N, C-alpha and C. Protein backbone atom coordinates (compact mmCIF):
# COMPACT_ATOMS: atom_id res chain seq x y z
N UNK A 1 71.05 108.69 111.00
CA UNK A 1 71.12 107.34 110.68
C UNK A 1 72.63 106.77 111.06
N UNK A 2 72.68 105.67 111.65
CA UNK A 2 73.86 105.08 112.14
C UNK A 2 74.34 103.94 111.12
N UNK A 3 75.53 103.96 110.78
CA UNK A 3 76.08 102.89 109.89
C UNK A 3 77.12 102.28 110.62
N UNK A 4 76.98 100.87 110.63
CA UNK A 4 78.00 100.10 111.27
C UNK A 4 78.97 99.40 110.37
N UNK A 5 80.26 99.60 110.40
CA UNK A 5 81.12 99.17 109.54
C UNK A 5 82.12 98.26 110.31
N UNK A 6 82.83 97.37 109.50
CA UNK A 6 83.99 96.68 109.98
C UNK A 6 85.19 97.15 108.93
N UNK A 7 86.07 97.89 109.44
CA UNK A 7 87.06 98.58 108.56
C UNK A 7 88.33 98.08 109.04
N UNK A 8 89.24 97.43 108.27
CA UNK A 8 90.58 96.94 108.57
C UNK A 8 90.50 96.12 110.03
N UNK A 9 89.38 95.42 110.24
CA UNK A 9 89.39 94.62 111.32
C UNK A 9 88.82 95.35 112.61
N UNK A 10 88.37 96.61 112.42
CA UNK A 10 87.97 97.37 113.61
C UNK A 10 86.50 97.66 113.39
N UNK A 11 85.68 97.64 114.37
CA UNK A 11 84.29 97.98 114.34
C UNK A 11 84.25 99.43 114.38
N UNK A 12 83.53 100.19 113.54
CA UNK A 12 83.40 101.67 113.33
C UNK A 12 82.02 102.00 113.12
N UNK A 13 81.44 102.86 113.96
CA UNK A 13 80.12 103.40 113.83
C UNK A 13 80.09 104.80 113.31
N UNK A 14 79.66 105.04 112.18
CA UNK A 14 79.53 106.40 111.65
C UNK A 14 78.17 106.98 111.53
N UNK A 15 77.86 108.26 111.97
CA UNK A 15 76.65 108.82 111.83
C UNK A 15 76.43 109.51 110.55
N UNK A 16 75.34 109.32 109.84
CA UNK A 16 74.89 110.05 108.63
C UNK A 16 73.90 111.20 109.20
N UNK A 17 74.46 112.45 109.04
CA UNK A 17 73.64 113.47 109.54
C UNK A 17 72.62 113.93 108.47
N UNK A 18 71.66 114.52 108.86
CA UNK A 18 70.63 115.20 108.06
C UNK A 18 71.34 116.07 106.95
N UNK A 19 71.08 115.62 105.64
CA UNK A 19 71.68 116.36 104.46
C UNK A 19 72.84 115.72 103.98
N UNK A 20 73.57 114.94 104.81
CA UNK A 20 74.69 114.22 104.36
C UNK A 20 74.38 113.05 103.45
N UNK A 21 75.03 112.76 102.35
CA UNK A 21 74.85 111.73 101.62
C UNK A 21 75.52 110.47 102.01
N UNK A 22 74.96 109.32 101.69
CA UNK A 22 75.61 108.00 102.16
C UNK A 22 77.10 107.99 101.39
N UNK A 23 77.15 108.52 100.23
CA UNK A 23 78.40 108.56 99.64
C UNK A 23 79.54 109.14 100.44
N UNK A 24 79.14 110.35 101.09
CA UNK A 24 80.13 110.87 101.89
C UNK A 24 80.51 110.06 103.14
N UNK A 25 79.54 109.47 103.71
CA UNK A 25 79.82 108.53 104.88
C UNK A 25 80.73 107.35 104.35
N UNK A 26 80.40 106.84 103.25
CA UNK A 26 81.09 105.76 102.57
C UNK A 26 82.55 106.10 102.38
N UNK A 27 82.87 107.30 101.75
CA UNK A 27 84.10 107.72 101.57
C UNK A 27 84.98 107.81 102.78
N UNK A 28 84.37 108.34 103.90
CA UNK A 28 85.11 108.42 105.22
C UNK A 28 85.41 106.93 105.71
N UNK A 29 84.50 106.08 105.47
CA UNK A 29 84.81 104.61 105.83
C UNK A 29 85.90 104.11 105.05
N UNK A 30 85.87 104.31 103.68
CA UNK A 30 86.82 103.83 102.84
C UNK A 30 88.31 104.38 103.04
N UNK A 31 88.33 105.81 103.30
CA UNK A 31 89.47 106.39 103.69
C UNK A 31 90.14 105.87 104.94
N UNK A 32 89.23 105.51 105.79
CA UNK A 32 89.70 105.09 107.08
C UNK A 32 90.31 103.60 106.93
N UNK A 33 89.65 102.81 106.13
CA UNK A 33 90.13 101.46 105.85
C UNK A 33 91.34 101.61 105.09
N UNK A 34 91.55 102.51 104.18
CA UNK A 34 92.86 102.69 103.46
C UNK A 34 93.97 103.10 104.26
N UNK A 35 93.79 104.03 105.23
CA UNK A 35 94.89 104.69 105.86
C UNK A 35 95.09 104.22 107.30
N UNK A 36 94.17 103.58 107.91
CA UNK A 36 94.31 103.21 109.39
C UNK A 36 95.44 102.30 109.61
N UNK A 37 95.88 101.28 108.65
CA UNK A 37 96.92 100.52 108.96
C UNK A 37 98.40 101.32 109.02
N UNK A 38 98.40 102.30 108.29
CA UNK A 38 99.53 103.14 108.19
C UNK A 38 99.65 104.25 109.30
N UNK A 39 98.33 104.76 109.61
CA UNK A 39 98.16 105.65 110.63
C UNK A 39 97.22 105.17 111.79
N UNK A 40 97.71 104.44 112.65
CA UNK A 40 96.84 103.70 113.67
C UNK A 40 96.07 104.83 114.68
N UNK A 41 96.52 105.99 114.54
CA UNK A 41 95.88 107.05 115.32
C UNK A 41 94.83 107.73 114.55
N UNK A 42 94.52 107.30 113.40
CA UNK A 42 93.50 108.02 112.49
C UNK A 42 92.31 108.09 113.10
N UNK A 43 91.60 109.22 112.99
CA UNK A 43 90.32 109.53 113.66
C UNK A 43 89.38 110.11 112.53
N UNK A 44 88.14 109.91 112.69
CA UNK A 44 86.98 110.49 111.77
C UNK A 44 86.36 111.59 112.38
N UNK A 45 86.32 112.75 111.62
CA UNK A 45 85.51 113.89 112.15
C UNK A 45 85.89 114.50 113.54
N UNK A 46 87.20 114.78 113.70
CA UNK A 46 87.63 115.35 115.01
C UNK A 46 88.02 116.82 114.85
N UNK A 47 87.45 117.72 115.54
CA UNK A 47 87.73 119.05 115.49
C UNK A 47 89.21 119.25 115.81
N UNK A 48 89.95 120.13 115.14
CA UNK A 48 91.38 120.22 115.31
C UNK A 48 91.72 121.82 115.65
N UNK A 49 90.62 122.59 115.84
CA UNK A 49 90.94 124.10 116.23
C UNK A 49 91.24 124.93 115.09
N UNK A 50 91.12 124.51 113.88
CA UNK A 50 91.36 125.32 112.70
C UNK A 50 90.08 125.85 111.95
N UNK A 51 90.12 126.50 111.01
CA UNK A 51 89.08 127.03 110.19
C UNK A 51 88.12 125.85 109.61
N UNK A 52 88.62 124.71 109.40
CA UNK A 52 87.95 123.44 108.84
C UNK A 52 88.17 122.35 109.81
N UNK A 53 87.16 121.49 109.70
CA UNK A 53 87.18 120.16 110.43
C UNK A 53 87.48 119.21 109.41
N UNK A 54 88.39 118.31 109.58
CA UNK A 54 88.67 117.30 108.55
C UNK A 54 87.74 116.07 108.68
N UNK A 55 87.52 115.41 107.50
CA UNK A 55 86.78 114.11 107.61
C UNK A 55 87.55 113.13 108.20
N UNK A 56 88.95 113.03 108.01
CA UNK A 56 89.80 112.18 108.55
C UNK A 56 91.08 112.84 109.03
N UNK A 57 91.55 112.45 110.17
CA UNK A 57 92.77 113.22 110.76
C UNK A 57 93.68 112.23 111.42
N UNK A 58 95.03 112.23 111.26
CA UNK A 58 95.88 111.66 112.16
C UNK A 58 96.87 112.61 112.55
N UNK A 59 96.96 112.70 113.87
CA UNK A 59 97.84 113.75 114.54
C UNK A 59 98.98 112.90 115.03
N UNK A 60 100.23 113.47 114.70
CA UNK A 60 101.62 112.73 115.06
C UNK A 60 101.93 113.02 116.41
N UNK A 61 102.75 112.29 116.97
CA UNK A 61 103.41 112.50 118.38
C UNK A 61 103.83 113.88 118.57
N UNK A 62 104.24 114.56 117.50
CA UNK A 62 104.81 115.90 117.64
C UNK A 62 103.66 117.02 117.58
N UNK A 63 102.30 116.52 117.38
CA UNK A 63 101.23 117.49 117.31
C UNK A 63 100.90 117.82 115.93
N UNK A 64 101.80 117.66 114.98
CA UNK A 64 101.44 117.95 113.53
C UNK A 64 100.63 116.95 113.06
N UNK A 65 99.81 117.41 111.90
CA UNK A 65 98.95 116.39 111.28
C UNK A 65 99.64 115.59 110.31
N UNK A 66 99.68 114.31 110.54
CA UNK A 66 100.35 113.38 109.66
C UNK A 66 99.54 113.16 108.44
N UNK A 67 98.17 113.22 108.56
CA UNK A 67 97.29 113.07 107.42
C UNK A 67 96.04 113.80 107.64
N UNK A 68 95.52 114.38 106.62
CA UNK A 68 94.27 115.14 106.70
C UNK A 68 93.46 114.69 105.54
N UNK A 69 92.31 114.26 105.78
CA UNK A 69 91.43 113.70 104.58
C UNK A 69 90.21 114.46 104.47
N UNK A 70 89.90 114.81 103.23
CA UNK A 70 88.61 115.54 102.75
C UNK A 70 87.81 114.58 101.88
N UNK A 71 86.70 114.45 102.15
CA UNK A 71 85.69 113.52 101.42
C UNK A 71 84.60 114.22 100.66
N UNK A 72 84.34 113.80 99.39
CA UNK A 72 83.43 114.49 98.66
C UNK A 72 83.61 116.02 98.20
N UNK A 73 82.56 116.74 98.25
CA UNK A 73 82.69 118.28 97.76
C UNK A 73 83.41 118.98 98.47
N UNK A 74 84.38 119.66 98.06
CA UNK A 74 85.23 120.76 98.72
C UNK A 74 85.82 121.50 97.77
N UNK A 75 85.80 122.85 97.87
CA UNK A 75 86.22 123.86 96.94
C UNK A 75 87.73 123.88 96.71
N UNK A 76 88.02 124.43 95.61
CA UNK A 76 89.60 124.55 95.33
C UNK A 76 90.09 125.53 96.44
N UNK A 77 89.29 126.57 96.70
CA UNK A 77 89.73 127.52 97.72
C UNK A 77 90.05 126.93 99.07
N UNK A 78 89.14 125.89 99.48
CA UNK A 78 89.43 125.14 100.78
C UNK A 78 90.65 124.34 100.64
N UNK A 79 90.90 123.66 99.46
CA UNK A 79 92.10 122.83 99.35
C UNK A 79 93.39 123.66 99.45
N UNK A 80 93.40 124.86 98.82
CA UNK A 80 94.47 125.78 98.75
C UNK A 80 94.79 126.15 100.30
N UNK A 81 93.64 126.56 100.94
CA UNK A 81 93.78 126.94 102.37
C UNK A 81 94.55 125.74 103.11
N UNK A 82 94.04 124.58 102.91
CA UNK A 82 94.64 123.35 103.77
C UNK A 82 96.07 123.29 103.46
N UNK A 83 96.33 123.35 102.08
CA UNK A 83 97.82 123.21 101.64
C UNK A 83 98.71 124.34 102.31
N UNK A 84 98.15 125.52 102.44
CA UNK A 84 98.99 126.69 102.91
C UNK A 84 98.95 126.74 104.49
N UNK A 85 97.89 126.33 105.00
CA UNK A 85 97.79 126.63 106.54
C UNK A 85 97.59 125.58 107.49
N UNK A 86 97.28 124.36 107.05
CA UNK A 86 97.09 123.34 107.96
C UNK A 86 98.32 122.66 108.40
N UNK A 87 99.28 122.78 107.68
CA UNK A 87 100.72 122.17 108.09
C UNK A 87 100.71 120.65 108.02
N UNK A 88 99.68 120.04 107.46
CA UNK A 88 99.54 118.56 107.19
C UNK A 88 100.57 118.14 106.26
N UNK A 89 101.21 116.96 106.77
CA UNK A 89 102.35 116.39 106.02
C UNK A 89 101.69 115.85 104.77
N UNK A 90 100.45 115.26 104.89
CA UNK A 90 99.86 114.58 103.72
C UNK A 90 98.30 115.10 103.69
N UNK A 91 97.85 115.47 102.56
CA UNK A 91 96.53 115.88 102.38
C UNK A 91 95.81 114.86 101.23
N UNK A 92 94.81 114.25 101.56
CA UNK A 92 94.14 113.21 100.60
C UNK A 92 92.80 113.70 100.41
N UNK A 93 92.26 113.84 99.06
CA UNK A 93 91.06 114.14 98.76
C UNK A 93 90.34 112.86 98.28
N UNK A 94 89.21 112.58 98.69
CA UNK A 94 88.48 111.48 98.26
C UNK A 94 87.19 111.77 97.46
N UNK A 95 86.99 111.10 96.42
CA UNK A 95 85.82 111.44 95.45
C UNK A 95 85.26 110.10 94.97
N UNK A 96 84.10 110.16 94.33
CA UNK A 96 83.55 109.08 93.88
C UNK A 96 83.19 109.34 92.23
N UNK A 97 83.84 108.56 91.34
CA UNK A 97 83.47 108.77 89.96
C UNK A 97 83.51 110.28 89.50
N UNK A 98 84.79 110.90 89.83
CA UNK A 98 84.95 112.31 89.49
C UNK A 98 85.95 112.46 88.30
N UNK A 99 85.82 113.70 87.77
CA UNK A 99 86.86 113.95 86.60
C UNK A 99 88.27 114.27 87.35
N UNK A 100 88.98 113.27 87.68
CA UNK A 100 90.11 113.44 88.33
C UNK A 100 91.24 114.33 87.61
N UNK A 101 91.49 114.07 86.38
CA UNK A 101 92.51 114.76 85.62
C UNK A 101 92.22 116.29 85.60
N UNK A 102 90.83 116.61 85.53
CA UNK A 102 90.42 118.14 85.34
C UNK A 102 90.77 118.63 86.79
N UNK A 103 90.31 118.03 87.82
CA UNK A 103 90.56 118.46 89.19
C UNK A 103 92.07 118.62 89.45
N UNK A 104 92.84 117.62 89.12
CA UNK A 104 94.23 117.67 89.39
C UNK A 104 94.84 118.84 88.66
N UNK A 105 94.51 119.19 87.47
CA UNK A 105 94.88 120.29 86.70
C UNK A 105 94.60 121.65 87.35
N UNK A 106 93.37 121.72 87.80
CA UNK A 106 92.96 122.95 88.57
C UNK A 106 93.75 123.06 89.79
N UNK A 107 93.91 122.04 90.52
CA UNK A 107 94.63 122.19 91.79
C UNK A 107 96.11 122.64 91.56
N UNK A 108 96.81 121.98 90.51
CA UNK A 108 98.17 122.24 90.35
C UNK A 108 98.31 123.84 89.92
N UNK A 109 97.28 124.25 89.10
CA UNK A 109 97.23 125.73 88.81
C UNK A 109 97.11 126.63 90.08
N UNK A 110 96.19 126.17 90.91
CA UNK A 110 95.77 127.08 92.06
C UNK A 110 96.70 127.08 93.25
N UNK A 111 97.52 125.92 93.45
CA UNK A 111 98.29 125.81 94.54
C UNK A 111 99.74 126.02 94.18
N UNK A 112 100.50 127.02 94.88
CA UNK A 112 101.77 127.25 94.45
C UNK A 112 102.72 126.04 94.66
N UNK A 113 103.62 125.87 93.81
CA UNK A 113 104.54 124.68 94.08
C UNK A 113 105.04 124.48 95.48
N UNK A 114 105.48 125.41 95.98
CA UNK A 114 106.01 125.39 97.40
C UNK A 114 105.21 124.78 98.37
N UNK A 115 103.87 124.68 98.16
CA UNK A 115 102.88 123.99 99.00
C UNK A 115 102.54 122.60 98.48
N UNK A 116 103.09 122.18 97.34
CA UNK A 116 102.70 120.95 96.79
C UNK A 116 103.95 119.97 96.74
N UNK A 117 104.68 119.84 97.83
CA UNK A 117 105.73 118.98 97.76
C UNK A 117 105.32 117.61 97.19
N UNK A 118 106.35 116.96 96.61
CA UNK A 118 105.97 115.67 95.98
C UNK A 118 105.33 114.69 96.98
N UNK A 119 104.20 114.16 96.53
CA UNK A 119 103.46 113.18 97.36
C UNK A 119 102.65 113.74 98.49
N UNK A 120 102.70 115.20 98.74
CA UNK A 120 101.91 115.74 99.76
C UNK A 120 100.40 115.75 99.56
N UNK A 121 99.96 115.97 98.33
CA UNK A 121 98.41 116.04 97.97
C UNK A 121 98.12 114.95 96.99
N UNK A 122 97.21 114.23 97.36
CA UNK A 122 96.68 112.98 96.66
C UNK A 122 95.21 112.92 96.50
N UNK A 123 94.77 112.62 95.18
CA UNK A 123 93.41 112.49 94.98
C UNK A 123 93.10 110.99 94.82
N UNK A 124 92.13 110.46 95.57
CA UNK A 124 91.82 109.06 95.61
C UNK A 124 90.32 109.12 94.90
N UNK A 125 90.10 108.47 93.77
CA UNK A 125 88.78 108.59 93.03
C UNK A 125 88.29 107.19 92.99
N UNK A 126 87.15 106.97 93.67
CA UNK A 126 86.58 105.67 93.88
C UNK A 126 85.69 105.32 92.60
N UNK A 127 85.57 103.99 92.35
CA UNK A 127 84.74 103.57 91.12
C UNK A 127 83.22 103.99 91.39
N UNK A 128 82.58 104.15 90.20
CA UNK A 128 81.12 104.44 90.40
C UNK A 128 80.47 103.59 91.15
N UNK A 129 80.70 102.26 90.96
CA UNK A 129 79.97 101.24 91.70
C UNK A 129 80.50 100.89 93.06
N UNK A 130 81.26 101.86 93.79
CA UNK A 130 81.80 101.56 94.95
C UNK A 130 80.82 101.24 96.06
N UNK A 131 79.64 101.87 96.11
CA UNK A 131 78.57 101.61 96.98
C UNK A 131 78.19 99.96 96.92
N UNK A 132 78.02 99.48 95.71
CA UNK A 132 77.67 98.08 95.36
C UNK A 132 78.81 97.13 95.87
N UNK A 133 80.12 97.55 95.60
CA UNK A 133 81.14 96.75 95.95
C UNK A 133 81.44 96.63 97.42
N UNK A 134 80.84 97.59 98.26
CA UNK A 134 81.12 97.64 99.76
C UNK A 134 79.68 97.38 100.48
N UNK A 135 78.65 96.87 99.82
CA UNK A 135 77.46 96.79 100.38
C UNK A 135 77.28 96.22 101.70
N UNK A 136 78.29 95.12 102.08
CA UNK A 136 78.18 94.51 103.30
C UNK A 136 78.86 95.35 104.42
N UNK A 137 79.45 96.43 104.03
CA UNK A 137 80.03 97.27 105.10
C UNK A 137 81.27 96.69 105.88
N UNK A 138 81.63 95.40 105.32
CA UNK A 138 82.78 94.77 105.85
C UNK A 138 83.89 94.91 105.03
N UNK A 139 84.76 95.93 105.28
CA UNK A 139 86.04 96.13 104.30
C UNK A 139 87.23 95.96 105.16
N UNK A 140 87.84 94.92 104.78
CA UNK A 140 89.07 94.45 105.38
C UNK A 140 90.28 95.28 104.89
N UNK A 141 90.21 95.51 103.54
CA UNK A 141 91.06 96.35 102.81
C UNK A 141 90.41 96.91 101.65
N UNK A 142 90.91 97.95 101.11
CA UNK A 142 90.28 98.71 99.90
C UNK A 142 91.12 98.06 98.74
N UNK A 143 90.44 97.41 97.92
CA UNK A 143 90.95 96.81 96.82
C UNK A 143 91.50 97.70 95.83
N UNK A 144 92.67 97.46 95.20
CA UNK A 144 93.39 98.37 94.26
C UNK A 144 92.46 98.71 93.04
N UNK A 145 91.63 97.84 92.66
CA UNK A 145 90.68 98.07 91.47
C UNK A 145 89.38 98.80 91.88
N UNK A 146 89.22 99.29 93.14
CA UNK A 146 88.14 100.03 93.48
C UNK A 146 88.41 101.53 93.34
N UNK A 147 89.63 101.94 93.00
CA UNK A 147 89.95 103.49 92.95
C UNK A 147 91.16 103.69 92.16
N UNK A 148 91.28 104.96 91.70
CA UNK A 148 92.45 105.41 91.12
C UNK A 148 93.13 106.51 92.01
N UNK A 149 94.40 106.65 91.81
CA UNK A 149 95.13 107.53 92.61
C UNK A 149 95.93 108.48 91.71
N UNK A 150 95.73 109.81 92.02
CA UNK A 150 96.40 110.76 91.25
C UNK A 150 97.25 111.64 92.28
N UNK A 151 98.62 111.71 92.11
CA UNK A 151 99.39 112.52 93.00
C UNK A 151 99.45 113.93 92.38
N UNK A 152 99.25 114.82 93.12
CA UNK A 152 99.01 116.26 92.63
C UNK A 152 100.25 117.09 93.07
């Protein structure tokens, strides 16, 4: 199924593959709307030649990953791997109505401090009713009251 969004003034078409939830598609759209103004080269689901394919990726002029975004379900193991091996300057995890403090505590315990430089890993937790709040798929910007942010 195709979903047509307008995100930060850009028309963006996202495919919802078989078995993929609309929530996952929506998190990619919201992540794009949040970070495209800061990372104008942000892309959705681009293969980068590593073990994992990011939901959102911004590659800098130097070839390093400026931003790596993961939406929805992903394991602690995967997040640890990303922090150790991706070289991403910033990793953002996107969730909907999730137990943020519990996940943050688990990640702090699992990821060695040397891989968690201040501000490098962030959890964005969208409100339970985010689907209703964005029903028009016209998202000029993500309102601050639609999510909470936890720096890990």
